[in-house]
Amino acid sequence: MDSATIPLDGNSAAGLFSEVFSVDLTVARATCAHCDAEGELGTLKMWAVEMGAVLRCPACGDVVLRLTSTPNAVWLDATGARSIAIPRA
Protein backbone atom coordinates (compact mmCIF):
# COMPACT_ATOMS: atom_id res chain seq x y z
CA MET A 1 0.00 0.00 0.00
CA ASP A 2 1.18 3.50 -0.71
CA SER A 3 0.30 6.93 0.65
CA ALA A 4 -2.55 7.29 -1.86
CA THR A 5 -4.42 4.40 -0.25
CA ILE A 6 -3.47 4.88 3.40
CA PRO A 7 -4.93 8.00 5.00
CA LEU A 8 -2.61 10.10 7.11
CA ASP A 9 -3.80 12.80 9.47
CA GLY A 10 -3.96 16.43 8.40
CA ASN A 11 -0.74 17.22 10.27
CA SER A 12 1.03 15.59 7.33
CA ALA A 13 0.00 18.58 5.19
CA ALA A 14 1.98 21.02 7.36
CA GLY A 15 4.85 21.20 4.86
CA LEU A 16 2.52 21.97 1.97
CA PHE A 17 0.67 24.60 4.01
CA SER A 18 3.95 26.24 5.05
CA GLU A 19 4.74 26.99 1.40
CA VAL A 20 1.92 29.55 1.44
CA PHE A 21 1.02 30.46 5.02
CA SER A 22 3.34 31.77 7.72
CA VAL A 23 1.15 30.35 10.50
CA ASP A 24 0.66 26.69 11.40
CA LEU A 25 -2.60 25.83 9.64
CA THR A 26 -2.87 22.41 11.27
CA VAL A 27 -4.36 24.17 14.33
CA ALA A 28 -6.86 26.19 12.25
CA ARG A 29 -10.46 25.04 12.75
CA ALA A 30 -12.55 24.06 9.74
CA THR A 31 -16.26 23.33 9.46
CA CYS A 32 -17.20 20.63 6.96
CA ALA A 33 -19.61 22.00 4.35
CA HIS A 34 -21.33 18.61 4.10
CA CYS A 35 -21.98 17.54 7.71
CA ASP A 36 -21.05 20.64 9.77
CA ALA A 37 -18.46 18.72 11.81
CA GLU A 38 -15.83 21.09 13.19
CA GLY A 39 -12.22 20.39 14.10
CA GLU A 40 -8.60 21.31 13.58
CA LEU A 41 -7.17 20.78 10.11
CA GLY A 42 -4.72 18.42 11.75
CA THR A 43 -7.58 16.03 12.49
CA LEU A 44 -8.66 15.71 8.85
CA LYS A 45 -7.79 12.46 7.08
CA MET A 46 -5.19 13.11 4.39
CA TRP A 47 -4.55 11.06 1.30
CA ALA A 48 -1.26 12.07 -0.29
CA VAL A 49 -0.86 11.52 -3.99
CA GLU A 50 1.85 12.50 -6.41
CA MET A 51 -0.11 15.59 -7.44
CA GLY A 52 -0.77 16.84 -3.90
CA ALA A 53 -3.06 16.09 -0.99
CA VAL A 54 -6.75 15.49 -0.41
CA LEU A 55 -8.00 16.11 3.14
CA ARG A 56 -11.31 14.54 4.14
CA CYS A 57 -13.67 15.05 7.05
CA PRO A 58 -13.14 12.34 9.68
CA ALA A 59 -16.88 12.37 10.46
CA CYS A 60 -18.47 11.97 7.00
CA GLY A 61 -15.55 11.33 4.63
CA ASP A 62 -16.33 14.20 2.26
CA VAL A 63 -13.45 16.24 0.80
CA VAL A 64 -12.78 19.40 2.83
CA LEU A 65 -9.52 20.62 1.24
CA ARG A 66 -7.39 19.87 -1.80
CA LEU A 67 -3.82 21.14 -1.94
CA THR A 68 -1.23 20.85 -4.67
CA SER A 69 2.02 22.54 -5.61
CA THR A 70 3.23 23.30 -9.12
CA PRO A 71 6.41 25.10 -10.19
CA ASN A 72 4.43 28.35 -10.54
CA ALA A 73 1.82 28.20 -7.77
CA VAL A 74 0.38 26.43 -4.78
CA TRP A 75 -3.30 25.60 -5.31
CA LEU A 76 -5.72 25.37 -2.40
CA ASP A 77 -9.33 24.30 -2.95
CA ALA A 78 -11.38 24.79 0.22
CA THR A 79 -14.86 24.42 -1.30
CA GLY A 80 -15.56 21.54 1.09
CA ALA A 81 -15.10 23.82 4.10
CA ARG A 82 -17.98 26.02 5.21
CA SER A 83 -15.43 28.11 7.11
CA ILE A 84 -11.82 28.03 8.31
CA ALA A 85 -10.79 29.93 11.45
CA ILE A 86 -7.06 30.65 11.58
CA PRO A 87 -5.90 31.58 15.09
CA ARG A 88 -3.81 34.69 15.57
CA ALA A 89 -0.26 34.18 16.76
PDB file of N, CA and C in Angstrom:
ATOM      1  N   MET A   1       0.849  -1.191   0.000  1.00  0.00           N
ATOM      2  CA  MET A   1       0.000   0.000   0.000  1.00  0.00           C
ATOM      3  C   MET A   1       0.884   1.239   0.000  1.00  0.00           C
ATOM      4  N   ASP A   2       0.416   2.269  -0.685  1.00  0.00           N
ATOM      5  CA  ASP A   2       1.177   3.504  -0.711  1.00  0.00           C
ATOM      6  C   ASP A   2       0.381   4.624  -0.055  1.00  0.00           C
ATOM      7  N   SER A   3       0.941   5.823  -0.059  1.00  0.00           N
ATOM      8  CA  SER A   3       0.302   6.933   0.647  1.00  0.00           C
ATOM      9  C   SER A   3      -1.012   7.369   0.000  1.00  0.00           C
ATOM     10  N   ALA A   4      -1.276   6.943  -1.222  1.00  0.00           N
ATOM     11  CA  ALA A   4      -2.547   7.295  -1.858  1.00  0.00           C
ATOM     12  C   ALA A   4      -3.684   6.434  -1.335  1.00  0.00           C
ATOM     13  N   THR A   5      -3.375   5.285  -0.735  1.00  0.00           N
ATOM     14  CA  THR A   5      -4.420   4.399  -0.252  1.00  0.00           C
ATOM     15  C   THR A   5      -4.488   4.331   1.264  1.00  0.00           C
ATOM     16  N   ILE A   6      -3.493   4.868   1.945  1.00  0.00           N
ATOM     17  CA  ILE A   6      -3.473   4.880   3.405  1.00  0.00           C
ATOM     18  C   ILE A   6      -3.650   6.314   3.870  1.00  0.00           C
ATOM     19  N   PRO A   7      -4.751   6.616   4.567  1.00  0.00           N
ATOM     20  CA  PRO A   7      -4.934   7.997   5.004  1.00  0.00           C
ATOM     21  C   PRO A   7      -3.984   8.352   6.143  1.00  0.00           C
ATOM     22  N   LEU A   8      -3.419   9.533   6.042  1.00  0.00           N
ATOM     23  CA  LEU A   8      -2.611  10.104   7.107  1.00  0.00           C
ATOM     24  C   LEU A   8      -3.488  11.127   7.815  1.00  0.00           C
ATOM     25  N   ASP A   9      -2.997  11.722   8.894  1.00  0.00           N
ATOM     26  CA  ASP A   9      -3.799  12.801   9.466  1.00  0.00           C
ATOM     27  C   ASP A   9      -3.367  14.126   8.837  1.00  0.00           C
ATOM     28  N   GLY A  10      -4.189  15.142   9.033  1.00  0.00           N
ATOM     29  CA  GLY A  10      -3.955  16.433   8.400  1.00  0.00           C
ATOM     30  C   GLY A  10      -2.657  17.100   8.795  1.00  0.00           C
ATOM     31  N   ASN A  11      -2.039  16.667   9.892  1.00  0.00           N
ATOM     32  CA  ASN A  11      -0.741  17.221  10.271  1.00  0.00           C
ATOM     33  C   ASN A  11       0.303  16.950   9.204  1.00  0.00           C
ATOM     34  N   SER A  12       0.090  15.928   8.402  1.00  0.00           N
ATOM     35  CA  SER A  12       1.028  15.590   7.331  1.00  0.00           C
ATOM     36  C   SER A  12       1.061  16.651   6.243  1.00  0.00           C
ATOM     37  N   ALA A  13       0.058  17.509   6.185  1.00  0.00           N
ATOM     38  CA  ALA A  13       0.005  18.576   5.187  1.00  0.00           C
ATOM     39  C   ALA A  13       0.736  19.833   5.641  1.00  0.00           C
ATOM     40  N   ALA A  14       1.334  19.826   6.812  1.00  0.00           N
ATOM     41  CA  ALA A  14       1.983  21.023   7.360  1.00  0.00           C
ATOM     42  C   ALA A  14       3.042  21.583   6.412  1.00  0.00           C
ATOM     43  N   GLY A  15       3.813  20.729   5.791  1.00  0.00           N
ATOM     44  CA  GLY A  15       4.847  21.198   4.861  1.00  0.00           C
ATOM     45  C   GLY A  15       4.256  21.898   3.656  1.00  0.00           C
ATOM     46  N   LEU A  16       3.191  21.326   3.109  1.00  0.00           N
ATOM     47  CA  LEU A  16       2.523  21.968   1.968  1.00  0.00           C
ATOM     48  C   LEU A  16       1.920  23.305   2.371  1.00  0.00           C
ATOM     49  N   PHE A  17       1.255  23.351   3.536  1.00  0.00           N
ATOM     50  CA  PHE A  17       0.671  24.602   4.009  1.00  0.00           C
ATOM     51  C   PHE A  17       1.740  25.669   4.231  1.00  0.00           C
ATOM     52  N   SER A  18       2.908  25.260   4.726  1.00  0.00           N
ATOM     53  CA  SER A  18       3.948  26.241   5.054  1.00  0.00           C
ATOM     54  C   SER A  18       4.525  26.913   3.815  1.00  0.00           C
ATOM     55  N   GLU A  19       4.280  26.342   2.624  1.00  0.00           N
ATOM     56  CA  GLU A  19       4.739  26.986   1.399  1.00  0.00           C
ATOM     57  C   GLU A  19       3.959  28.270   1.124  1.00  0.00           C
ATOM     58  N   VAL A  20       2.784  28.405   1.715  1.00  0.00           N
ATOM     59  CA  VAL A  20       1.920  29.550   1.440  1.00  0.00           C
ATOM     60  C   VAL A  20       1.658  30.399   2.673  1.00  0.00           C
ATOM     61  N   PHE A  21       1.440  29.747   3.806  1.00  0.00           N
ATOM     62  CA  PHE A  21       1.021  30.461   5.017  1.00  0.00           C
ATOM     63  C   PHE A  21       2.149  30.497   6.036  1.00  0.00           C
ATOM     64  N   SER A  22       2.276  31.640   6.721  1.00  0.00           N
ATOM     65  CA  SER A  22       3.337  31.772   7.721  1.00  0.00           C
ATOM     66  C   SER A  22       2.916  31.235   9.077  1.00  0.00           C
ATOM     67  N   VAL A  23       1.629  30.910   9.247  1.00  0.00           N
ATOM     68  CA  VAL A  23       1.145  30.345  10.499  1.00  0.00           C
ATOM     69  C   VAL A  23       0.946  28.844  10.325  1.00  0.00           C
ATOM     70  N   ASP A  24       0.890  28.136  11.421  1.00  0.00           N
ATOM     71  CA  ASP A  24       0.658  26.695  11.396  1.00  0.00           C
ATOM     72  C   ASP A  24      -0.827  26.443  11.172  1.00  0.00           C
ATOM     73  N   LEU A  25      -1.186  26.035   9.956  1.00  0.00           N
ATOM     74  CA  LEU A  25      -2.599  25.830   9.645  1.00  0.00           C
ATOM     75  C   LEU A  25      -3.158  24.544  10.222  1.00  0.00           C
ATOM     76  N   THR A  26      -2.324  23.653  10.716  1.00  0.00           N
ATOM     77  CA  THR A  26      -2.868  22.409  11.267  1.00  0.00           C
ATOM     78  C   THR A  26      -3.714  22.667  12.513  1.00  0.00           C
ATOM     79  N   VAL A  27      -3.553  23.838  13.151  1.00  0.00           N
ATOM     80  CA  VAL A  27      -4.364  24.171  14.327  1.00  0.00           C
ATOM     81  C   VAL A  27      -5.561  25.045  13.974  1.00  0.00           C
ATOM     82  N   ALA A  28      -5.680  25.441  12.691  1.00  0.00           N
ATOM     83  CA  ALA A  28      -6.857  26.188  12.254  1.00  0.00           C
ATOM     84  C   ALA A  28      -8.066  25.266  12.336  1.00  0.00           C
ATOM     85  N   ARG A  29      -9.235  25.838  12.607  1.00  0.00           N
ATOM     86  CA  ARG A  29     -10.462  25.044  12.747  1.00  0.00           C
ATOM     87  C   ARG A  29     -11.318  25.199  11.497  1.00  0.00           C
ATOM     88  N   ALA A  30     -11.709  24.063  10.936  1.00  0.00           N
ATOM     89  CA  ALA A  30     -12.554  24.057   9.744  1.00  0.00           C
ATOM     90  C   ALA A  30     -13.903  23.448  10.074  1.00  0.00           C
ATOM     91  N   THR A  31     -14.930  23.911   9.375  1.00  0.00           N
ATOM     92  CA  THR A  31     -16.262  23.334   9.465  1.00  0.00           C
ATOM     93  C   THR A  31     -16.566  22.670   8.133  1.00  0.00           C
ATOM     94  N   CYS A  32     -16.881  21.393   8.164  1.00  0.00           N
ATOM     95  CA  CYS A  32     -17.196  20.631   6.956  1.00  0.00           C
ATOM     96  C   CYS A  32     -18.481  21.180   6.335  1.00  0.00           C
ATOM     97  N   ALA A  33     -18.438  21.468   5.043  1.00  0.00           N
ATOM     98  CA  ALA A  33     -19.613  21.995   4.347  1.00  0.00           C
ATOM     99  C   ALA A  33     -20.696  20.940   4.175  1.00  0.00           C
ATOM    100  N   HIS A  34     -20.349  19.674   4.302  1.00  0.00           N
ATOM    101  CA  HIS A  34     -21.329  18.608   4.102  1.00  0.00           C
ATOM    102  C   HIS A  34     -22.076  18.258   5.383  1.00  0.00           C
ATOM    103  N   CYS A  35     -21.332  18.038   6.485  1.00  0.00           N
ATOM    104  CA  CYS A  35     -21.979  17.539   7.708  1.00  0.00           C
ATOM    105  C   CYS A  35     -21.888  18.494   8.893  1.00  0.00           C
ATOM    106  N   ASP A  36     -21.223  19.634   8.721  1.00  0.00           N
ATOM    107  CA  ASP A  36     -21.051  20.645   9.773  1.00  0.00           C
ATOM    108  C   ASP A  36     -20.147  20.213  10.929  1.00  0.00           C
ATOM    109  N   ALA A  37     -19.432  19.099  10.781  1.00  0.00           N
ATOM    110  CA  ALA A  37     -18.456  18.721  11.810  1.00  0.00           C
ATOM    111  C   ALA A  37     -17.362  19.787  11.844  1.00  0.00           C
ATOM    112  N   GLU A  38     -16.863  20.072  13.036  1.00  0.00           N
ATOM    113  CA  GLU A  38     -15.829  21.086  13.193  1.00  0.00           C
ATOM    114  C   GLU A  38     -14.631  20.477  13.895  1.00  0.00           C
ATOM    115  N   GLY A  39     -13.445  20.857  13.450  1.00  0.00           N
ATOM    116  CA  GLY A  39     -12.221  20.385  14.099  1.00  0.00           C
ATOM    117  C   GLY A  39     -10.997  21.019  13.476  1.00  0.00           C
ATOM    118  N   GLU A  40      -9.862  20.778  14.102  1.00  0.00           N
ATOM    119  CA  GLU A  40      -8.600  21.307  13.584  1.00  0.00           C
ATOM    120  C   GLU A  40      -8.250  20.622  12.274  1.00  0.00           C
ATOM    121  N   LEU A  41      -7.589  21.367  11.383  1.00  0.00           N
ATOM    122  CA  LEU A  41      -7.171  20.783  10.107  1.00  0.00           C
ATOM    123  C   LEU A  41      -6.288  19.568  10.337  1.00  0.00           C
ATOM    124  N   GLY A  42      -5.570  19.557  11.428  1.00  0.00           N
ATOM    125  CA  GLY A  42      -4.717  18.420  11.754  1.00  0.00           C
ATOM    126  C   GLY A  42      -5.481  17.135  12.013  1.00  0.00           C
ATOM    127  N   THR A  43      -6.793  17.231  12.240  1.00  0.00           N
ATOM    128  CA  THR A  43      -7.583  16.027  12.488  1.00  0.00           C
ATOM    129  C   THR A  43      -8.226  15.479  11.219  1.00  0.00           C
ATOM    130  N   LEU A  44      -8.117  16.212  10.107  1.00  0.00           N
ATOM    131  CA  LEU A  44      -8.659  15.711   8.847  1.00  0.00           C
ATOM    132  C   LEU A  44      -7.858  14.497   8.398  1.00  0.00           C
ATOM    133  N   LYS A  45      -8.473  13.633   7.623  1.00  0.00           N
ATOM    134  CA  LYS A  45      -7.791  12.458   7.077  1.00  0.00           C
ATOM    135  C   LYS A  45      -7.190  12.850   5.735  1.00  0.00           C
ATOM    136  N   MET A  46      -5.883  12.669   5.597  1.00  0.00           N
ATOM    137  CA  MET A  46      -5.194  13.110   4.391  1.00  0.00           C
ATOM    138  C   MET A  46      -4.761  11.931   3.546  1.00  0.00           C
ATOM    139  N   TRP A  47      -5.077  12.005   2.271  1.00  0.00           N
ATOM    140  CA  TRP A  47      -4.552  11.056   1.297  1.00  0.00           C
ATOM    141  C   TRP A  47      -3.562  11.828   0.448  1.00  0.00           C
ATOM    142  N   ALA A  48      -2.305  11.410   0.479  1.00  0.00           N
ATOM    143  CA  ALA A  48      -1.258  12.072  -0.293  1.00  0.00           C
ATOM    144  C   ALA A  48      -1.090  11.327  -1.611  1.00  0.00           C
ATOM    145  N   VAL A  49      -1.101  12.090  -2.666  1.00  0.00           N
ATOM    146  CA  VAL A  49      -0.863  11.523  -3.989  1.00  0.00           C
ATOM    147  C   VAL A  49       0.243  12.323  -4.642  1.00  0.00           C
ATOM    148  N   GLU A  50       0.739  11.831  -5.733  1.00  0.00           N
ATOM    149  CA  GLU A  50       1.852  12.495  -6.406  1.00  0.00           C
ATOM    150  C   GLU A  50       1.537  13.954  -6.734  1.00  0.00           C
ATOM    151  N   MET A  51       0.281  14.235  -7.037  1.00  0.00           N
ATOM    152  CA  MET A  51      -0.110  15.594  -7.439  1.00  0.00           C
ATOM    153  C   MET A  51      -0.343  16.519  -6.255  1.00  0.00           C
ATOM    154  N   GLY A  52      -0.506  15.987  -5.045  1.00  0.00           N
ATOM    155  CA  GLY A  52      -0.773  16.837  -3.896  1.00  0.00           C
ATOM    156  C   GLY A  52      -1.446  16.071  -2.789  1.00  0.00           C
ATOM    157  N   ALA A  53      -2.411  16.711  -2.135  1.00  0.00           N
ATOM    158  CA  ALA A  53      -3.064  16.094  -0.987  1.00  0.00           C
ATOM    159  C   ALA A  53      -4.561  16.358  -1.030  1.00  0.00           C
ATOM    160  N   VAL A  54      -5.313  15.375  -0.576  1.00  0.00           N
ATOM    161  CA  VAL A  54      -6.753  15.493  -0.412  1.00  0.00           C
ATOM    162  C   VAL A  54      -7.032  15.255   1.064  1.00  0.00           C
ATOM    163  N   LEU A  55      -7.684  16.219   1.716  1.00  0.00           N
ATOM    164  CA  LEU A  55      -8.001  16.108   3.137  1.00  0.00           C
ATOM    165  C   LEU A  55      -9.501  15.962   3.302  1.00  0.00           C
ATOM    166  N   ARG A  56      -9.904  14.881   3.988  1.00  0.00           N
ATOM    167  CA  ARG A  56     -11.313  14.541   4.139  1.00  0.00           C
ATOM    168  C   ARG A  56     -11.768  14.680   5.588  1.00  0.00           C
ATOM    169  N   CYS A  57     -13.044  14.940   5.738  1.00  0.00           N
ATOM    170  CA  CYS A  57     -13.671  15.052   7.053  1.00  0.00           C
ATOM    171  C   CYS A  57     -13.631  13.690   7.738  1.00  0.00           C
ATOM    172  N   PRO A  58     -13.158  13.628   8.987  1.00  0.00           N
ATOM    173  CA  PRO A  58     -13.140  12.343   9.682  1.00  0.00           C
ATOM    174  C   PRO A  58     -14.535  11.854  10.073  1.00  0.00           C
ATOM    175  N   ALA A  59     -15.518  12.750  10.075  1.00  0.00           N
ATOM    176  CA  ALA A  59     -16.880  12.373  10.462  1.00  0.00           C
ATOM    177  C   ALA A  59     -17.668  11.774   9.298  1.00  0.00           C
ATOM    178  N   CYS A  60     -17.631  12.427   8.119  1.00  0.00           N
ATOM    179  CA  CYS A  60     -18.466  11.970   7.001  1.00  0.00           C
ATOM    180  C   CYS A  60     -17.673  11.477   5.799  1.00  0.00           C
ATOM    181  N   GLY A  61     -16.380  11.796   5.735  1.00  0.00           N
ATOM    182  CA  GLY A  61     -15.547  11.331   4.633  1.00  0.00           C
ATOM    183  C   GLY A  61     -15.542  12.227   3.408  1.00  0.00           C
ATOM    184  N   ASP A  62     -16.335  13.299   3.397  1.00  0.00           N
ATOM    185  CA  ASP A  62     -16.326  14.204   2.258  1.00  0.00           C
ATOM    186  C   ASP A  62     -15.012  14.991   2.200  1.00  0.00           C
ATOM    187  N   VAL A  63     -14.654  15.442   0.999  1.00  0.00           N
ATOM    188  CA  VAL A  63     -13.449  16.240   0.803  1.00  0.00           C
ATOM    189  C   VAL A  63     -13.668  17.626   1.395  1.00  0.00           C
ATOM    190  N   VAL A  64     -12.738  18.063   2.242  1.00  0.00           N
ATOM    191  CA  VAL A  64     -12.780  19.399   2.831  1.00  0.00           C
ATOM    192  C   VAL A  64     -11.786  20.316   2.118  1.00  0.00           C
ATOM    193  N   LEU A  65     -10.569  19.826   1.890  1.00  0.00           N
ATOM    194  CA  LEU A  65      -9.520  20.618   1.243  1.00  0.00           C
ATOM    195  C   LEU A  65      -8.775  19.780   0.211  1.00  0.00           C
ATOM    196  N   ARG A  66      -8.322  20.459  -0.834  1.00  0.00           N
ATOM    197  CA  ARG A  66      -7.388  19.874  -1.798  1.00  0.00           C
ATOM    198  C   ARG A  66      -6.218  20.842  -1.888  1.00  0.00           C
ATOM    199  N   LEU A  67      -5.015  20.302  -1.940  1.00  0.00           N
ATOM    200  CA  LEU A  67      -3.817  21.138  -1.943  1.00  0.00           C
ATOM    201  C   LEU A  67      -2.797  20.524  -2.882  1.00  0.00           C
ATOM    202  N   THR A  68      -2.271  21.340  -3.776  1.00  0.00           N
ATOM    203  CA  THR A  68      -1.228  20.854  -4.673  1.00  0.00           C
ATOM    204  C   THR A  68      -0.236  21.972  -4.954  1.00  0.00           C
ATOM    205  N   SER A  69       0.953  21.583  -5.334  1.00  0.00           N
ATOM    206  CA  SER A  69       2.019  22.543  -5.608  1.00  0.00           C
ATOM    207  C   SER A  69       2.554  22.293  -7.010  1.00  0.00           C
ATOM    208  N   THR A  70       2.638  23.364  -7.794  1.00  0.00           N
ATOM    209  CA  THR A  70       3.230  23.300  -9.124  1.00  0.00           C
ATOM    210  C   THR A  70       4.449  24.210  -9.123  1.00  0.00           C
ATOM    211  N   PRO A  71       5.250  24.199 -10.168  1.00  0.00           N
ATOM    212  CA  PRO A  71       6.408  25.100 -10.193  1.00  0.00           C
ATOM    213  C   PRO A  71       6.035  26.584 -10.093  1.00  0.00           C
ATOM    214  N   ASN A  72       4.823  26.941 -10.519  1.00  0.00           N
ATOM    215  CA  ASN A  72       4.426  28.347 -10.543  1.00  0.00           C
ATOM    216  C   ASN A  72       3.479  28.774  -9.441  1.00  0.00           C
ATOM    217  N   ALA A  73       2.846  27.814  -8.753  1.00  0.00           N
ATOM    218  CA  ALA A  73       1.822  28.203  -7.769  1.00  0.00           C
ATOM    219  C   ALA A  73       1.531  27.056  -6.812  1.00  0.00           C
ATOM    220  N   VAL A  74       0.957  27.412  -5.691  1.00  0.00           N
ATOM    221  CA  VAL A  74       0.378  26.432  -4.778  1.00  0.00           C
ATOM    222  C   VAL A  74      -1.126  26.628  -4.867  1.00  0.00           C
ATOM    223  N   TRP A  75      -1.853  25.549  -5.119  1.00  0.00           N
ATOM    224  CA  TRP A  75      -3.297  25.598  -5.305  1.00  0.00           C
ATOM    225  C   TRP A  75      -3.986  25.042  -4.069  1.00  0.00           C
ATOM    226  N   LEU A  76      -4.942  25.794  -3.547  1.00  0.00           N
ATOM    227  CA  LEU A  76      -5.724  25.371  -2.398  1.00  0.00           C
ATOM    228  C   LEU A  76      -7.199  25.461  -2.759  1.00  0.00           C
ATOM    229  N   ASP A  77      -7.897  24.337  -2.706  1.00  0.00           N
ATOM    230  CA  ASP A  77      -9.334  24.296  -2.954  1.00  0.00           C
ATOM    231  C   ASP A  77     -10.001  23.984  -1.621  1.00  0.00           C
ATOM    232  N   ALA A  78     -10.727  24.947  -1.083  1.00  0.00           N
ATOM    233  CA  ALA A  78     -11.378  24.786   0.216  1.00  0.00           C
ATOM    234  C   ALA A  78     -12.898  24.795   0.070  1.00  0.00           C
ATOM    235  N   THR A  79     -13.416  24.384  -1.091  1.00  0.00           N
ATOM    236  CA  THR A  79     -14.859  24.423  -1.298  1.00  0.00           C
ATOM    237  C   THR A  79     -15.605  23.458  -0.390  1.00  0.00           C
ATOM    238  N   GLY A  80     -14.919  22.473   0.173  1.00  0.00           N
ATOM    239  CA  GLY A  80     -15.557  21.536   1.091  1.00  0.00           C
ATOM    240  C   GLY A  80     -15.608  22.031   2.523  1.00  0.00           C
ATOM    241  N   ALA A  81     -15.081  23.230   2.750  1.00  0.00           N
ATOM    242  CA  ALA A  81     -15.099  23.817   4.097  1.00  0.00           C
ATOM    243  C   ALA A  81     -16.100  24.968   4.124  1.00  0.00           C
ATOM    244  N   ARG A  82     -17.028  24.901   5.042  1.00  0.00           N
ATOM    245  CA  ARG A  82     -17.979  26.016   5.209  1.00  0.00           C
ATOM    246  C   ARG A  82     -17.228  27.246   5.716  1.00  0.00           C
ATOM    247  N   SER A  83     -16.255  27.019   6.596  1.00  0.00           N
ATOM    248  CA  SER A  83     -15.428  28.111   7.107  1.00  0.00           C
ATOM    249  C   SER A  83     -14.121  27.518   7.643  1.00  0.00           C
ATOM    250  N   ILE A  84     -13.112  28.389   7.705  1.00  0.00           N
ATOM    251  CA  ILE A  84     -11.820  28.033   8.308  1.00  0.00           C
ATOM    252  C   ILE A  84     -11.427  29.186   9.206  1.00  0.00           C
ATOM    253  N   ALA A  85     -11.214  28.910  10.479  1.00  0.00           N
ATOM    254  CA  ALA A  85     -10.794  29.934  11.450  1.00  0.00           C
ATOM    255  C   ALA A  85      -9.317  29.730  11.739  1.00  0.00           C
ATOM    256  N   ILE A  86      -8.518  30.714  11.377  1.00  0.00           N
ATOM    257  CA  ILE A  86      -7.060  30.647  11.580  1.00  0.00           C
ATOM    258  C   ILE A  86      -6.725  31.475  12.819  1.00  0.00           C
ATOM    259  N   PRO A  87      -6.185  30.825  13.855  1.00  0.00           N
ATOM    260  CA  PRO A  87      -5.896  31.580  15.092  1.00  0.00           C
ATOM    261  C   PRO A  87      -4.764  32.587  14.896  1.00  0.00           C
ATOM    262  N   ARG A  88      -4.892  33.672  15.594  1.00  0.00           N
ATOM    263  CA  ARG A  88      -3.813  34.686  15.572  1.00  0.00           C
ATOM    264  C   ARG A  88      -2.660  34.189  16.434  1.00  0.00           C
ATOM    265  N   ALA A  89      -1.461  34.578  16.017  1.00  0.00           N
ATOM    266  CA  ALA A  89      -0.257  34.178  16.759  1.00  0.00           C
ATOM    267  C   ALA A  89      -0.190  34.848  18.106  1.00  0.00           C
TER     268      ALA A  89
END
